[in-house]
Amino acid sequence: MPEGKLPPSLKQFLDQLRQQPPEHIRKLVLELPRHLRAQLPAQLRAAKKTAQPPAPKPKHAGGNLPKLTKDEIDLLQAAYSAAQAKEKRKRSIVFQDLRQLLPKAKRGISDRTLRRYLK
């Protein structure tokens, strides 16, 4: 359908479309009533189909923040390996010694948390 024979509302839409940046095309096309969308030129219909969907929202990361930093984990793993190589001792006793390597604020870390980091 030539542009000269288009209904006034579709002409207004096409004029508005020419003034907008490309990312607004999809929004404007979707706001059109269905009977006017069918009268759009073929290239605009194709642009509507190939328009990029909006970026997905970032997902909320659940769970607690890590208790130890990467450097602290590396230090504890090296000390744990060295302690186990010297002599066999109960894990809880070794963990008491390892806690002394941590800053005072982190010495209250549980045995379970240490086990998780020292696998």
Protein backbone atom coordinates (compact mmCIF):
# COMPACT_ATOMS: atom_id res chain seq x y z
CA MET A 1 0.00 0.00 0.00
CA PRO A 2 1.62 3.33 -1.03
CA GLU A 3 2.20 5.80 1.73
CA GLY A 4 -0.15 8.35 0.14
CA LYS A 5 -3.19 6.04 0.62
CA LEU A 6 -2.56 5.24 4.28
CA PRO A 7 -5.13 6.18 6.91
CA PRO A 8 -4.29 9.39 8.82
CA SER A 9 -3.56 7.54 12.05
CA LEU A 10 -1.02 5.30 10.31
CA LYS A 11 0.56 8.31 8.56
CA GLN A 12 0.94 9.97 11.95
CA PHE A 13 2.52 6.81 13.32
CA LEU A 14 5.03 6.59 10.44
CA ASP A 15 5.99 10.26 10.88
CA GLN A 16 6.49 9.67 14.58
CA LEU A 17 8.53 6.55 13.83
CA ARG A 18 10.90 8.44 11.54
CA GLN A 19 11.66 10.89 14.35
CA GLN A 20 12.40 8.21 16.97
CA PRO A 21 15.64 6.27 17.46
CA PRO A 22 15.50 2.57 16.43
CA GLU A 23 15.10 1.18 19.97
CA HIS A 24 11.67 2.81 20.20
CA ILE A 25 10.35 1.06 17.08
CA ARG A 26 9.24 -2.05 18.93
CA LYS A 27 7.43 -0.06 21.62
CA LEU A 28 5.62 2.12 19.09
CA VAL A 29 4.60 -0.83 16.92
CA LEU A 30 3.21 -2.69 19.90
CA GLU A 31 1.14 0.37 20.89
CA LEU A 32 -0.62 0.34 17.53
CA PRO A 33 -4.06 -1.24 17.29
CA ARG A 34 -4.03 -4.65 15.58
CA HIS A 35 -5.86 -3.50 12.41
CA LEU A 36 -3.27 -0.74 11.84
CA ARG A 37 -0.33 -3.08 12.49
CA ALA A 38 -1.51 -5.24 9.58
CA GLN A 39 -1.20 -2.22 7.24
CA LEU A 40 2.42 -1.48 8.13
CA PRO A 41 4.94 -1.76 5.31
CA ALA A 42 6.68 -5.15 5.19
CA GLN A 43 10.09 -3.84 6.31
CA LEU A 44 8.61 -2.38 9.50
CA ARG A 45 6.86 -5.66 10.26
CA ALA A 46 10.20 -7.42 9.81
CA ALA A 47 11.91 -4.88 12.08
CA LYS A 48 9.28 -5.56 14.71
CA LYS A 49 10.01 -9.30 14.60
CA THR A 50 13.80 -8.91 14.76
CA ALA A 51 13.84 -6.27 17.49
CA GLN A 52 15.98 -7.26 20.47
CA PRO A 53 14.09 -8.17 23.64
CA PRO A 54 14.88 -6.10 26.71
CA ALA A 55 17.86 -7.23 28.75
CA PRO A 56 16.89 -9.66 31.52
CA LYS A 57 16.79 -8.28 35.02
CA PRO A 58 19.72 -9.36 37.17
CA LYS A 59 18.74 -12.20 39.46
CA HIS A 60 18.97 -11.70 43.16
CA ALA A 61 21.86 -13.71 44.52
CA GLY A 62 20.56 -15.54 47.54
CA GLY A 63 22.52 -16.89 50.42
CA ASN A 64 25.07 -15.41 52.74
CA LEU A 65 28.22 -13.61 51.74
CA PRO A 66 31.43 -15.64 51.97
CA LYS A 67 32.92 -15.55 55.45
CA LEU A 68 36.54 -15.75 54.26
CA THR A 69 38.41 -14.02 51.46
CA LYS A 70 40.31 -15.93 48.78
CA ASP A 71 43.65 -15.05 50.41
CA GLU A 72 42.48 -16.31 53.80
CA ILE A 73 41.24 -19.55 52.26
CA ASP A 74 44.57 -20.10 50.50
CA LEU A 75 46.46 -19.42 53.75
CA LEU A 76 44.27 -21.83 55.73
CA GLN A 77 44.49 -24.56 53.08
CA ALA A 78 48.29 -24.37 53.05
CA ALA A 79 48.46 -24.40 56.85
CA TYR A 80 45.97 -27.28 57.08
CA SER A 81 47.95 -29.39 54.58
CA ALA A 82 51.17 -28.70 56.49
CA ALA A 83 49.56 -29.54 59.85
CA GLN A 84 48.11 -32.80 58.54
CA ALA A 85 51.46 -33.75 56.98
CA LYS A 86 53.33 -33.33 60.30
CA GLU A 87 51.14 -35.57 62.43
CA LYS A 88 47.62 -36.90 62.57
CA ARG A 89 45.51 -34.88 65.01
CA LYS A 90 41.82 -34.44 65.53
CA ARG A 91 40.39 -32.01 63.05
CA SER A 92 38.83 -29.84 65.76
CA ILE A 93 42.23 -29.34 67.39
CA VAL A 94 43.80 -28.42 64.05
CA PHE A 95 40.96 -25.95 63.44
CA GLN A 96 41.69 -24.25 66.78
CA ASP A 97 45.27 -23.68 65.61
CA LEU A 98 44.12 -22.46 62.19
CA ARG A 99 41.80 -19.88 63.74
CA GLN A 100 44.85 -18.18 65.25
CA LEU A 101 45.99 -17.35 61.69
CA LEU A 102 42.80 -15.38 61.01
CA PRO A 103 42.13 -11.77 62.02
CA LYS A 104 40.54 -11.46 65.48
CA ALA A 105 37.17 -10.54 64.01
CA LYS A 106 36.99 -13.82 62.07
CA ARG A 107 38.26 -16.23 64.73
CA GLY A 108 34.71 -17.15 65.75
CA ILE A 109 34.17 -19.03 62.50
CA SER A 110 32.62 -22.47 63.02
CA ASP A 111 34.23 -25.85 62.36
CA ARG A 112 31.58 -26.56 59.75
CA THR A 113 32.50 -23.43 57.80
CA LEU A 114 36.19 -24.28 57.99
CA ARG A 115 35.47 -27.81 56.73
CA ARG A 116 33.56 -26.36 53.80
CA TYR A 117 36.46 -24.12 52.78
CA LEU A 118 39.22 -26.69 53.40
CA LYS A 119 37.98 -29.55 51.22
